[in-house]
Protein backbone atom coordinates (compact mmCIF):
# COMPACT_ATOMS: atom_id res chain seq x y z
CA MET A 1 85.63 102.67 35.67
CA ASP A 2 88.71 102.46 33.61
CA ALA A 3 90.19 99.65 35.79
CA LEU A 4 86.83 97.66 35.60
CA LEU A 5 86.64 98.25 31.88
CA ALA A 6 90.10 97.05 31.43
CA ALA A 7 89.17 94.07 33.76
CA ASP A 8 86.02 93.23 31.64
CA PRO A 9 85.68 94.99 28.25
CA THR A 10 82.42 93.54 27.91
CA VAL A 11 80.83 95.34 30.61
CA ALA A 12 77.77 97.36 29.15
CA LEU A 13 77.32 100.49 30.81
CA GLU A 14 74.25 102.78 31.12
CA VAL A 15 74.70 106.14 32.43
CA ILE A 16 71.68 107.33 34.37
CA PRO A 17 71.80 110.88 35.55
CA GLY A 18 70.63 111.49 38.98
CA GLY A 19 70.24 115.03 39.65
CA LEU A 20 73.15 116.18 41.92
CA ARG A 21 72.35 119.80 41.72
CA PRO A 22 69.55 120.13 38.88
CA GLY A 23 67.48 123.08 38.21
CA ALA A 24 65.58 124.60 41.41
CA ALA A 25 68.18 122.88 43.51
CA ALA A 26 71.01 124.50 41.59
CA GLN A 27 73.06 127.02 43.79
CA ARG A 28 75.14 130.35 42.91
CA MET A 29 78.81 129.79 43.73
CA GLY A 30 78.92 131.74 46.91
CA ASP A 31 81.59 131.50 49.84
CA GLY A 32 79.80 128.77 51.61
CA LEU A 33 79.41 126.56 48.55
CA ALA A 34 82.89 127.45 47.31
CA ARG A 35 84.41 126.33 50.79
CA TYR A 36 82.49 123.11 50.69
CA LEU A 37 83.47 122.19 47.26
CA SER A 38 87.01 123.10 47.93
CA ARG A 39 87.29 120.45 50.58
CA ALA A 40 85.35 117.99 48.30
CA TRP A 41 87.31 118.44 45.18
CA ALA A 42 90.62 118.54 46.89
CA GLU A 43 89.89 115.15 48.64
CA VAL A 44 88.44 113.68 45.30
CA ALA A 45 91.90 114.80 43.57
CA ARG A 46 94.12 113.39 46.54
CA ARG A 47 92.34 110.22 46.17
CA SER A 48 91.75 109.45 42.62
CA GLY A 49 94.54 111.82 40.92
CA GLN A 50 91.99 113.56 38.85
CA PRO A 51 92.79 117.08 38.20
CA PHE A 52 90.26 120.05 39.33
CA ASP A 53 90.19 123.60 38.04
CA GLN A 54 89.70 125.46 41.18
CA ARG A 55 88.89 128.64 39.27
CA TRP A 56 85.15 127.80 39.42
CA LEU A 57 85.26 128.44 43.13
CA GLN A 58 85.95 132.05 42.55
CA ARG A 59 83.12 132.69 40.08
CA ASN A 60 80.32 133.98 42.46
CA SER A 61 78.10 134.33 39.35
CA PHE A 62 78.37 130.93 38.25
CA VAL A 63 75.10 128.64 38.96
CA TYR A 64 76.16 125.08 39.88
CA ASP A 65 73.40 123.42 37.82
CA THR A 66 73.67 119.65 36.66
CA ASP A 67 70.50 119.73 34.86
CA PRO A 68 72.03 121.13 31.28
CA PRO A 69 74.83 118.39 31.47
CA ALA A 70 72.30 115.56 32.27
CA ARG A 71 70.01 116.66 29.74
CA ALA A 72 73.20 116.51 27.30
CA GLN A 73 73.97 113.01 28.50
CA LEU A 74 70.41 111.81 27.41
CA ALA A 75 70.69 113.73 24.01
CA TYR A 76 73.82 112.03 23.26
CA SER A 77 72.30 108.48 24.06
CA ALA A 78 69.08 109.39 22.15
CA LEU A 79 71.28 110.34 19.06
CA GLY A 80 72.78 106.63 19.56
CA ALA A 81 76.26 108.03 19.34
CA GLY A 82 78.15 105.36 21.07
CA ASP A 83 79.81 104.88 24.38
CA GLN A 84 77.48 106.95 26.99
CA TYR A 85 80.63 106.55 29.72
CA ARG A 86 82.96 108.23 26.80
CA PHE A 87 80.86 111.06 26.68
CA LEU A 88 80.58 111.47 30.47
CA ARG A 89 84.00 111.46 30.77
CA ALA A 90 84.41 114.26 28.20
CA LEU A 91 81.78 116.46 30.13
CA GLN A 92 83.41 115.88 33.45
CA SER A 93 86.84 116.61 32.28
CA ALA A 94 85.50 119.68 30.23
CA PHE A 95 84.29 121.15 33.83
CA TYR A 96 86.27 119.91 36.45
CA ALA A 97 89.79 119.84 34.56
CA ASP A 98 89.35 122.25 31.88
CA GLY A 99 87.06 124.79 33.78
CA ARG A 100 84.63 125.02 30.83
CA ASP A 101 81.17 126.01 31.77
CA ILE A 102 79.15 122.65 30.99
CA THR A 103 75.69 124.68 31.95
CA ARG A 104 76.06 126.54 28.50
CA SER A 105 74.35 124.70 25.57
CA ASP A 106 77.07 126.00 23.24
CA VAL A 107 79.72 124.32 25.45
CA LEU A 108 77.70 121.41 25.72
CA ALA A 109 77.61 121.22 21.78
CA GLU A 110 81.39 121.69 21.49
CA VAL A 111 82.07 118.72 23.84
CA ALA A 112 79.76 116.31 21.69
CA GLU A 113 81.48 117.37 18.52
CA GLU A 114 84.61 116.71 20.13
CA VAL A 115 83.69 113.19 20.67
CA GLY A 116 82.20 112.91 17.01
CA VAL A 117 78.70 113.90 17.41
CA PRO A 118 77.31 116.34 14.77
CA ARG A 119 76.67 119.61 16.28
CA ALA A 120 73.33 120.54 14.50
CA ALA A 121 71.91 117.06 15.58
CA PHE A 122 73.05 117.22 19.00
CA VAL A 123 71.84 120.82 19.57
CA ALA A 124 68.43 119.73 18.23
CA GLU A 125 68.04 116.73 20.53
CA LEU A 126 69.33 118.81 23.31
CA GLN A 127 66.41 121.32 22.72
CA ARG A 128 63.59 119.07 22.42
CA PRO A 129 61.23 119.03 25.25
CA GLU A 130 61.11 115.18 25.22
CA THR A 131 64.93 115.44 26.35
CA ALA A 132 63.94 117.62 29.34
CA GLN A 133 61.14 115.20 30.29
CA GLY A 134 63.65 112.21 29.90
CA THR A 135 66.03 113.87 32.28
CA ARG A 136 63.52 114.17 35.06
CA ALA A 137 62.43 110.79 34.45
CA ALA A 138 66.06 109.67 34.76
CA TYR A 139 66.41 111.54 38.18
CA ALA A 140 63.30 109.47 39.02
CA ARG A 141 64.69 106.05 37.98
CA ALA A 142 67.83 106.63 39.88
CA ARG A 143 66.00 107.54 42.96
CA GLY A 144 63.87 104.40 42.55
CA LEU A 145 67.08 102.41 42.44
CA GLY A 146 68.27 103.46 45.62
CA VAL A 147 70.73 105.96 44.24
CA ALA A 148 71.53 108.70 47.27
CA GLY A 149 74.81 110.05 46.15
CA PHE A 150 77.28 110.36 43.17
CA PRO A 151 78.65 108.52 41.86
CA THR A 152 76.79 105.25 42.35
CA LEU A 153 77.59 102.29 40.21
CA LEU A 154 74.91 99.52 40.03
CA LEU A 155 75.51 96.14 38.70
CA ALA A 156 72.13 94.98 36.80
CA THR A 157 71.63 91.03 37.13
CA PRO A 158 68.61 89.26 35.92
CA SER A 159 67.06 89.21 39.36
CA ALA A 160 68.41 92.53 41.01
CA PHE A 161 70.63 95.40 41.18
CA THR A 162 73.75 95.10 43.39
CA THR A 163 75.57 98.46 44.36
CA LEU A 164 79.27 98.17 43.40
CA ALA A 165 80.10 101.62 44.65
CA ALA A 166 78.38 104.75 46.32
CA GLY A 167 80.89 107.47 46.12
CA TRP A 168 84.59 106.86 45.12
CA VAL A 169 86.37 103.69 45.47
CA ALA A 170 89.71 102.65 44.68
CA PRO A 171 89.98 100.84 41.30
CA ALA A 172 91.18 97.55 42.89
CA ALA A 173 88.31 97.59 45.22
CA LEU A 174 85.62 98.18 42.49
CA VAL A 175 87.00 95.20 40.50
CA ALA A 176 87.00 93.27 43.40
CA ALA A 177 83.43 94.04 44.21
CA TYR A 178 82.44 93.44 40.59
CA HIS A 179 83.90 90.05 40.57
CA LYS A 180 82.37 89.09 44.00
CA ALA A 181 78.93 90.23 42.75
CA LEU A 182 79.23 88.25 39.61
CA ALA A 183 80.21 85.19 41.78
């Protein structure tokens, strides 16, 4: 995304949480999930250069639930706090690189505060029933757009949505796909 935004700073991004492992689909970090994630995260790190804190894989009591950070993304958006991608990056970095538990409301509030959102306003928005309902609606919207894996990047044009990336792609390939889709 950074490469795409550098190539075209006018790109307007909308982050739509898709529900990787929300609520009932959340899974306790046991040996099977830890082995799977260890391989997956190592591959993402190899391809992208992004750091991963592997300590999560030894926390058997941790429940890998993506619903709280998805709700946080919607709370951030509802507050009109600014760049949705900036907040998504902050959440991702907090969890994957820094090993912070973004399933906890207090940690989500810390991350929001770090990007300039007043804690009290964020916590209030995070706790609103409408935010939880909006999260479920966002999951349904992602499915309706054909999103089946993460990350997925769609380009919205007046007539259709075009998939630019489904899963990780090299920055140059993403920029090329974007220019091709625009043409």
